[in-house]
Amino acid sequence: MKIYGRTLKNDSELEILSEATLVTETSTLRDLASFLYRCADAIEEQGESWEHEHFESNEAISPHFVVYNPNVVNT
């Protein structure tokens, strides 16, 4: 697994992160967990035709959280 990210100060530089910290409500954690399960199901069912999906939080300020299919993206 690789985790990539950008900072608020420099959103053009995509870097591999060694750690990610989530600070959020339990409802958002459950929404994120459900999103990850749906992504895993879609990758298994659709194979290489499924590329990526964006998670959208109900929180006012939310970072982008994107899951990419490792079989499609060479990282």
PDB file of N, CA and C in Angstrom:
ATOM      1  N   MET A   1       0.850  -1.165   0.000  1.00  0.00           N
ATOM      2  CA  MET A   1       0.000   0.000   0.000  1.00  0.00           C
ATOM      3  C   MET A   1       0.898   1.231   0.000  1.00  0.00           C
ATOM      4  N   LYS A   2       0.524   2.191  -0.796  1.00  0.00           N
ATOM      5  CA  LYS A   2       1.199   3.482  -0.821  1.00  0.00           C
ATOM      6  C   LYS A   2       0.162   4.556  -0.526  1.00  0.00           C
ATOM      7  N   ILE A   3       0.548   5.534   0.276  1.00  0.00           N
ATOM      8  CA  ILE A   3      -0.322   6.658   0.581  1.00  0.00           C
ATOM      9  C   ILE A   3       0.343   7.904   0.021  1.00  0.00           C
ATOM     10  N   TYR A   4      -0.369   8.588  -0.867  1.00  0.00           N
ATOM     11  CA  TYR A   4       0.148   9.811  -1.466  1.00  0.00           C
ATOM     12  C   TYR A   4      -0.597  10.991  -0.875  1.00  0.00           C
ATOM     13  N   GLY A   5       0.015  12.163  -0.926  1.00  0.00           N
ATOM     14  CA  GLY A   5      -0.668  13.335  -0.417  1.00  0.00           C
ATOM     15  C   GLY A   5      -0.037  14.623  -0.887  1.00  0.00           C
ATOM     16  N   ARG A   6      -0.779  15.690  -0.660  1.00  0.00           N
ATOM     17  CA  ARG A   6      -0.337  17.045  -0.967  1.00  0.00           C
ATOM     18  C   ARG A   6      -0.586  17.903   0.264  1.00  0.00           C
ATOM     19  N   THR A   7       0.170  18.958   0.413  1.00  0.00           N
ATOM     20  CA  THR A   7      -0.058  19.881   1.522  1.00  0.00           C
ATOM     21  C   THR A   7      -0.962  21.013   1.068  1.00  0.00           C
ATOM     22  N   LEU A   8      -1.526  21.719   2.026  1.00  0.00           N
ATOM     23  CA  LEU A   8      -2.345  22.884   1.688  1.00  0.00           C
ATOM     24  C   LEU A   8      -1.495  23.986   1.069  1.00  0.00           C
ATOM     25  N   LYS A   9      -0.232  24.062   1.468  1.00  0.00           N
ATOM     26  CA  LYS A   9       0.658  25.106   0.966  1.00  0.00           C
ATOM     27  C   LYS A   9       1.117  24.837  -0.466  1.00  0.00           C
ATOM     28  N   ASN A  10       1.278  23.573  -0.830  1.00  0.00           N
ATOM     29  CA  ASN A  10       1.784  23.236  -2.156  1.00  0.00           C
ATOM     30  C   ASN A  10       0.980  22.078  -2.720  1.00  0.00           C
ATOM     31  N   ASP A  11      -0.158  22.386  -3.334  1.00  0.00           N
ATOM     32  CA  ASP A  11      -1.038  21.322  -3.809  1.00  0.00           C
ATOM     33  C   ASP A  11      -0.617  20.729  -5.149  1.00  0.00           C
ATOM     34  N   SER A  12       0.505  21.182  -5.712  1.00  0.00           N
ATOM     35  CA  SER A  12       0.946  20.622  -6.983  1.00  0.00           C
ATOM     36  C   SER A  12       1.916  19.464  -6.801  1.00  0.00           C
ATOM     37  N   GLU A  13       2.537  19.359  -5.634  1.00  0.00           N
ATOM     38  CA  GLU A  13       3.514  18.310  -5.381  1.00  0.00           C
ATOM     39  C   GLU A  13       2.857  17.103  -4.726  1.00  0.00           C
ATOM     40  N   LEU A  14       2.809  15.995  -5.438  1.00  0.00           N
ATOM     41  CA  LEU A  14       2.273  14.752  -4.891  1.00  0.00           C
ATOM     42  C   LEU A  14       3.445  13.965  -4.323  1.00  0.00           C
ATOM     43  N   GLU A  15       3.358  13.604  -3.039  1.00  0.00           N
ATOM     44  CA  GLU A  15       4.443  12.913  -2.367  1.00  0.00           C
ATOM     45  C   GLU A  15       3.932  11.644  -1.694  1.00  0.00           C
ATOM     46  N   ILE A  16       4.824  10.665  -1.546  1.00  0.00           N
ATOM     47  CA  ILE A  16       4.482   9.471  -0.783  1.00  0.00           C
ATOM     48  C   ILE A  16       4.578   9.830   0.694  1.00  0.00           C
ATOM     49  N   LEU A  17       3.523   9.536   1.437  1.00  0.00           N
ATOM     50  CA  LEU A  17       3.467   9.843   2.861  1.00  0.00           C
ATOM     51  C   LEU A  17       3.870   8.617   3.673  1.00  0.00           C
ATOM     52  N   SER A  18       4.547   8.839   4.771  1.00  0.00           N
ATOM     53  CA  SER A  18       4.896   7.737   5.655  1.00  0.00           C
ATOM     54  C   SER A  18       3.821   7.524   6.726  1.00  0.00           C
ATOM     55  N   GLU A  19       2.961   8.506   6.888  1.00  0.00           N
ATOM     56  CA  GLU A  19       1.915   8.423   7.896  1.00  0.00           C
ATOM     57  C   GLU A  19       0.763   9.342   7.507  1.00  0.00           C
ATOM     58  N   ALA A  20      -0.438   8.926   7.848  1.00  0.00           N
ATOM     59  CA  ALA A  20      -1.617   9.770   7.660  1.00  0.00           C
ATOM     60  C   ALA A  20      -2.431   9.724   8.949  1.00  0.00           C
ATOM     61  N   THR A  21      -2.939  10.854   9.370  1.00  0.00           N
ATOM     62  CA  THR A  21      -3.726  10.949  10.592  1.00  0.00           C
ATOM     63  C   THR A  21      -5.109  11.486  10.251  1.00  0.00           C
ATOM     64  N   LEU A  22      -6.139  10.792  10.683  1.00  0.00           N
ATOM     65  CA  LEU A  22      -7.515  11.240  10.475  1.00  0.00           C
ATOM     66  C   LEU A  22      -8.046  11.825  11.769  1.00  0.00           C
ATOM     67  N   VAL A  23      -8.564  13.026  11.697  1.00  0.00           N
ATOM     68  CA  VAL A  23      -9.220  13.660  12.843  1.00  0.00           C
ATOM     69  C   VAL A  23     -10.639  13.962  12.385  1.00  0.00           C
ATOM     70  N   THR A  24     -11.585  13.159  12.840  1.00  0.00           N
ATOM     71  CA  THR A  24     -12.944  13.285  12.340  1.00  0.00           C
ATOM     72  C   THR A  24     -13.940  12.633  13.294  1.00  0.00           C
ATOM     73  N   GLU A  25     -15.193  12.857  13.037  1.00  0.00           N
ATOM     74  CA  GLU A  25     -16.272  12.283  13.829  1.00  0.00           C
ATOM     75  C   GLU A  25     -16.455  10.804  13.485  1.00  0.00           C
ATOM     76  N   THR A  26     -17.067  10.075  14.395  1.00  0.00           N
ATOM     77  CA  THR A  26     -17.285   8.647  14.169  1.00  0.00           C
ATOM     78  C   THR A  26     -18.163   8.387  12.950  1.00  0.00           C
ATOM     79  N   SER A  27     -19.114   9.251  12.691  1.00  0.00           N
ATOM     80  CA  SER A  27     -19.984   9.046  11.524  1.00  0.00           C
ATOM     81  C   SER A  27     -19.181   9.132  10.225  1.00  0.00           C
ATOM     82  N   THR A  28     -18.215  10.027  10.169  1.00  0.00           N
ATOM     83  CA  THR A  28     -17.379  10.137   8.977  1.00  0.00           C
ATOM     84  C   THR A  28     -16.456   8.932   8.851  1.00  0.00           C
ATOM     85  N   LEU A  29     -15.944   8.435   9.972  1.00  0.00           N
ATOM     86  CA  LEU A  29     -15.121   7.221   9.924  1.00  0.00           C
ATOM     87  C   LEU A  29     -15.921   6.046   9.372  1.00  0.00           C
ATOM     88  N   ARG A  30     -17.167   5.933   9.791  1.00  0.00           N
ATOM     89  CA  ARG A  30     -18.018   4.856   9.277  1.00  0.00           C
ATOM     90  C   ARG A  30     -18.308   5.048   7.784  1.00  0.00           C
ATOM     91  N   ASP A  31     -18.542   6.300   7.374  1.00  0.00           N
ATOM     92  CA  ASP A  31     -18.759   6.583   5.956  1.00  0.00           C
ATOM     93  C   ASP A  31     -17.515   6.221   5.139  1.00  0.00           C
ATOM     94  N   LEU A  32     -16.341   6.552   5.671  1.00  0.00           N
ATOM     95  CA  LEU A  32     -15.092   6.243   4.980  1.00  0.00           C
ATOM     96  C   LEU A  32     -14.878   4.733   4.900  1.00  0.00           C
ATOM     97  N   ALA A  33     -15.147   4.019   5.976  1.00  0.00           N
ATOM     98  CA  ALA A  33     -15.013   2.564   5.967  1.00  0.00           C
ATOM     99  C   ALA A  33     -15.945   1.940   4.927  1.00  0.00           C
ATOM    100  N   SER A  34     -17.161   2.423   4.855  1.00  0.00           N
ATOM    101  CA  SER A  34     -18.122   1.934   3.870  1.00  0.00           C
ATOM    102  C   SER A  34     -17.642   2.230   2.452  1.00  0.00           C
ATOM    103  N   PHE A  35     -17.106   3.424   2.246  1.00  0.00           N
ATOM    104  CA  PHE A  35     -16.555   3.814   0.952  1.00  0.00           C
ATOM    105  C   PHE A  35     -15.428   2.861   0.541  1.00  0.00           C
ATOM    106  N   LEU A  36     -14.535   2.543   1.468  1.00  0.00           N
ATOM    107  CA  LEU A  36     -13.420   1.648   1.151  1.00  0.00           C
ATOM    108  C   LEU A  36     -13.912   0.251   0.789  1.00  0.00           C
ATOM    109  N   TYR A  37     -14.932  -0.245   1.482  1.00  0.00           N
ATOM    110  CA  TYR A  37     -15.512  -1.542   1.138  1.00  0.00           C
ATOM    111  C   TYR A  37     -16.122  -1.509  -0.260  1.00  0.00           C
ATOM    112  N   ARG A  38     -16.830  -0.415  -0.594  1.00  0.00           N
ATOM    113  CA  ARG A  38     -17.433  -0.300  -1.928  1.00  0.00           C
ATOM    114  C   ARG A  38     -16.353  -0.269  -3.012  1.00  0.00           C
ATOM    115  N   CYS A  39     -15.246   0.416  -2.735  1.00  0.00           N
ATOM    116  CA  CYS A  39     -14.145   0.468  -3.701  1.00  0.00           C
ATOM    117  C   CYS A  39     -13.550  -0.923  -3.910  1.00  0.00           C
ATOM    118  N   ALA A  40     -13.322  -1.649  -2.815  1.00  0.00           N
ATOM    119  CA  ALA A  40     -12.768  -3.004  -2.920  1.00  0.00           C
ATOM    120  C   ALA A  40     -13.704  -3.910  -3.720  1.00  0.00           C
ATOM    121  N   ASP A  41     -14.996  -3.823  -3.452  1.00  0.00           N
ATOM    122  CA  ASP A  41     -15.973  -4.618  -4.207  1.00  0.00           C
ATOM    123  C   ASP A  41     -15.936  -4.265  -5.688  1.00  0.00           C
ATOM    124  N   ALA A  42     -15.882  -2.970  -5.993  1.00  0.00           N
ATOM    125  CA  ALA A  42     -15.877  -2.525  -7.389  1.00  0.00           C
ATOM    126  C   ALA A  42     -14.621  -2.997  -8.117  1.00  0.00           C
ATOM    127  N   ILE A  43     -13.464  -2.943  -7.458  1.00  0.00           N
ATOM    128  CA  ILE A  43     -12.226  -3.416  -8.087  1.00  0.00           C
ATOM    129  C   ILE A  43     -12.334  -4.912  -8.385  1.00  0.00           C
ATOM    130  N   GLU A  44     -12.855  -5.683  -7.438  1.00  0.00           N
ATOM    131  CA  GLU A  44     -13.000  -7.123  -7.655  1.00  0.00           C
ATOM    132  C   GLU A  44     -13.999  -7.432  -8.760  1.00  0.00           C
ATOM    133  N   GLU A  45     -15.096  -6.699  -8.811  1.00  0.00           N
ATOM    134  CA  GLU A  45     -16.152  -6.970  -9.787  1.00  0.00           C
ATOM    135  C   GLU A  45     -15.833  -6.436 -11.181  1.00  0.00           C
ATOM    136  N   GLN A  46     -15.205  -5.260 -11.264  1.00  0.00           N
ATOM    137  CA  GLN A  46     -15.004  -4.599 -12.547  1.00  0.00           C
ATOM    138  C   GLN A  46     -13.586  -4.704 -13.084  1.00  0.00           C
ATOM    139  N   GLY A  47     -12.664  -5.158 -12.265  1.00  0.00           N
ATOM    140  CA  GLY A  47     -11.284  -5.322 -12.712  1.00  0.00           C
ATOM    141  C   GLY A  47     -10.670  -4.010 -13.178  1.00  0.00           C
ATOM    142  N   GLU A  48      -9.920  -4.086 -14.274  1.00  0.00           N
ATOM    143  CA  GLU A  48      -9.196  -2.919 -14.768  1.00  0.00           C
ATOM    144  C   GLU A  48     -10.097  -1.833 -15.345  1.00  0.00           C
ATOM    145  N   SER A  49     -11.381  -2.117 -15.520  1.00  0.00           N
ATOM    146  CA  SER A  49     -12.281  -1.073 -16.025  1.00  0.00           C
ATOM    147  C   SER A  49     -12.642  -0.067 -14.921  1.00  0.00           C
ATOM    148  N   TRP A  50     -12.395  -0.423 -13.667  1.00  0.00           N
ATOM    149  CA  TRP A  50     -12.611   0.506 -12.542  1.00  0.00           C
ATOM    150  C   TRP A  50     -11.290   1.183 -12.249  1.00  0.00           C
ATOM    151  N   GLU A  51     -11.264   2.516 -12.370  1.00  0.00           N
ATOM    152  CA  GLU A  51     -10.000   3.234 -12.182  1.00  0.00           C
ATOM    153  C   GLU A  51      -9.861   3.860 -10.802  1.00  0.00           C
ATOM    154  N   HIS A  52     -10.805   4.732 -10.417  1.00  0.00           N
ATOM    155  CA  HIS A  52     -10.699   5.412  -9.130  1.00  0.00           C
ATOM    156  C   HIS A  52     -12.044   5.978  -8.707  1.00  0.00           C
ATOM    157  N   GLU A  53     -12.091   6.355  -7.430  1.00  0.00           N
ATOM    158  CA  GLU A  53     -13.314   6.943  -6.864  1.00  0.00           C
ATOM    159  C   GLU A  53     -12.907   7.973  -5.815  1.00  0.00           C
ATOM    160  N   HIS A  54     -13.699   9.039  -5.705  1.00  0.00           N
ATOM    161  CA  HIS A  54     -13.459  10.105  -4.729  1.00  0.00           C
ATOM    162  C   HIS A  54     -14.439   9.984  -3.570  1.00  0.00           C
ATOM    163  N   PHE A  55     -13.922  10.100  -2.360  1.00  0.00           N
ATOM    164  CA  PHE A  55     -14.757  10.116  -1.155  1.00  0.00           C
ATOM    165  C   PHE A  55     -15.179  11.548  -0.877  1.00  0.00           C
ATOM    166  N   GLU A  56     -16.454  11.733  -0.606  1.00  0.00           N
ATOM    167  CA  GLU A  56     -16.961  13.057  -0.264  1.00  0.00           C
ATOM    168  C   GLU A  56     -17.541  13.018   1.137  1.00  0.00           C
ATOM    169  N   SER A  57     -16.982  13.830   2.004  1.00  0.00           N
ATOM    170  CA  SER A  57     -17.428  13.906   3.387  1.00  0.00           C
ATOM    171  C   SER A  57     -18.522  14.951   3.525  1.00  0.00           C
ATOM    172  N   ASN A  58     -19.320  14.806   4.565  1.00  0.00           N
ATOM    173  CA  ASN A  58     -20.351  15.799   4.865  1.00  0.00           C
ATOM    174  C   ASN A  58     -19.798  16.963   5.683  1.00  0.00           C
ATOM    175  N   GLU A  59     -18.521  16.878   6.058  1.00  0.00           N
ATOM    176  CA  GLU A  59     -17.920  17.937   6.859  1.00  0.00           C
ATOM    177  C   GLU A  59     -17.669  19.170   5.994  1.00  0.00           C
ATOM    178  N   ALA A  60     -17.728  20.334   6.604  1.00  0.00           N
ATOM    179  CA  ALA A  60     -17.577  21.597   5.871  1.00  0.00           C
ATOM    180  C   ALA A  60     -16.225  21.693   5.171  1.00  0.00           C
ATOM    181  N   ILE A  61     -15.158  21.397   5.887  1.00  0.00           N
ATOM    182  CA  ILE A  61     -13.824  21.413   5.295  1.00  0.00           C
ATOM    183  C   ILE A  61     -13.338  19.976   5.250  1.00  0.00           C
ATOM    184  N   SER A  62     -13.175  19.464   4.054  1.00  0.00           N
ATOM    185  CA  SER A  62     -12.809  18.065   3.909  1.00  0.00           C
ATOM    186  C   SER A  62     -11.712  17.916   2.865  1.00  0.00           C
ATOM    187  N   PRO A  63     -10.651  17.191   3.187  1.00  0.00           N
ATOM    188  CA  PRO A  63      -9.626  16.929   2.178  1.00  0.00           C
ATOM    189  C   PRO A  63     -10.148  15.927   1.155  1.00  0.00           C
ATOM    190  N   HIS A  64      -9.534  15.893   0.021  1.00  0.00           N
ATOM    191  CA  HIS A  64      -9.888  14.908  -0.993  1.00  0.00           C
ATOM    192  C   HIS A  64      -9.314  13.562  -0.570  1.00  0.00           C
ATOM    193  N   PHE A  65     -10.099  12.525  -0.669  1.00  0.00           N
ATOM    194  CA  PHE A  65      -9.640  11.168  -0.396  1.00  0.00           C
ATOM    195  C   PHE A  65     -10.001  10.354  -1.620  1.00  0.00           C
ATOM    196  N   VAL A  66      -8.997   9.830  -2.301  1.00  0.00           N
ATOM    197  CA  VAL A  66      -9.208   9.135  -3.563  1.00  0.00           C
ATOM    198  C   VAL A  66      -8.608   7.737  -3.473  1.00  0.00           C
ATOM    199  N   VAL A  67      -9.329   6.740  -3.961  1.00  0.00           N
ATOM    200  CA  VAL A  67      -8.820   5.379  -4.056  1.00  0.00           C
ATOM    201  C   VAL A  67      -8.607   5.063  -5.530  1.00  0.00           C
ATOM    202  N   TYR A  68      -7.404   4.600  -5.862  1.00  0.00           N
ATOM    203  CA  TYR A  68      -7.067   4.181  -7.222  1.00  0.00           C
ATOM    204  C   TYR A  68      -6.891   2.675  -7.270  1.00  0.00           C
ATOM    205  N   ASN A  69      -7.283   2.087  -8.376  1.00  0.00           N
ATOM    206  CA  ASN A  69      -7.103   0.665  -8.611  1.00  0.00           C
ATOM    207  C   ASN A  69      -5.626   0.397  -8.889  1.00  0.00           C
ATOM    208  N   PRO A  70      -4.943  -0.428  -8.082  1.00  0.00           N
ATOM    209  CA  PRO A  70      -3.521  -0.672  -8.300  1.00  0.00           C
ATOM    210  C   PRO A  70      -3.232  -1.409  -9.598  1.00  0.00           C
ATOM    211  N   ASN A  71      -4.249  -2.061 -10.179  1.00  0.00           N
ATOM    212  CA  ASN A  71      -4.070  -2.778 -11.438  1.00  0.00           C
ATOM    213  C   ASN A  71      -4.113  -1.846 -12.648  1.00  0.00           C
ATOM    214  N   VAL A  72      -4.529  -0.600 -12.423  1.00  0.00           N
ATOM    215  CA  VAL A  72      -4.644   0.364 -13.506  1.00  0.00           C
ATOM    216  C   VAL A  72      -3.538   1.394 -13.428  1.00  0.00           C
ATOM    217  N   VAL A  73      -3.169   1.798 -12.233  1.00  0.00           N
ATOM    218  CA  VAL A  73      -2.206   2.880 -12.030  1.00  0.00           C
ATOM    219  C   VAL A  73      -0.843   2.283 -11.686  1.00  0.00           C
ATOM    220  N   ASN A  74       0.168   2.656 -12.439  1.00  0.00           N
ATOM    221  CA  ASN A  74       1.533   2.258 -12.096  1.00  0.00           C
ATOM    222  C   ASN A  74       2.140   3.327 -11.211  1.00  0.00           C
ATOM    223  N   THR A  75       2.251   3.030  -9.910  1.00  0.00           N
ATOM    224  CA  THR A  75       2.816   3.996  -8.969  1.00  0.00           C
ATOM    225  C   THR A  75       4.075   3.471  -8.351  1.00  0.00           C
TER     226      THR A  75
END
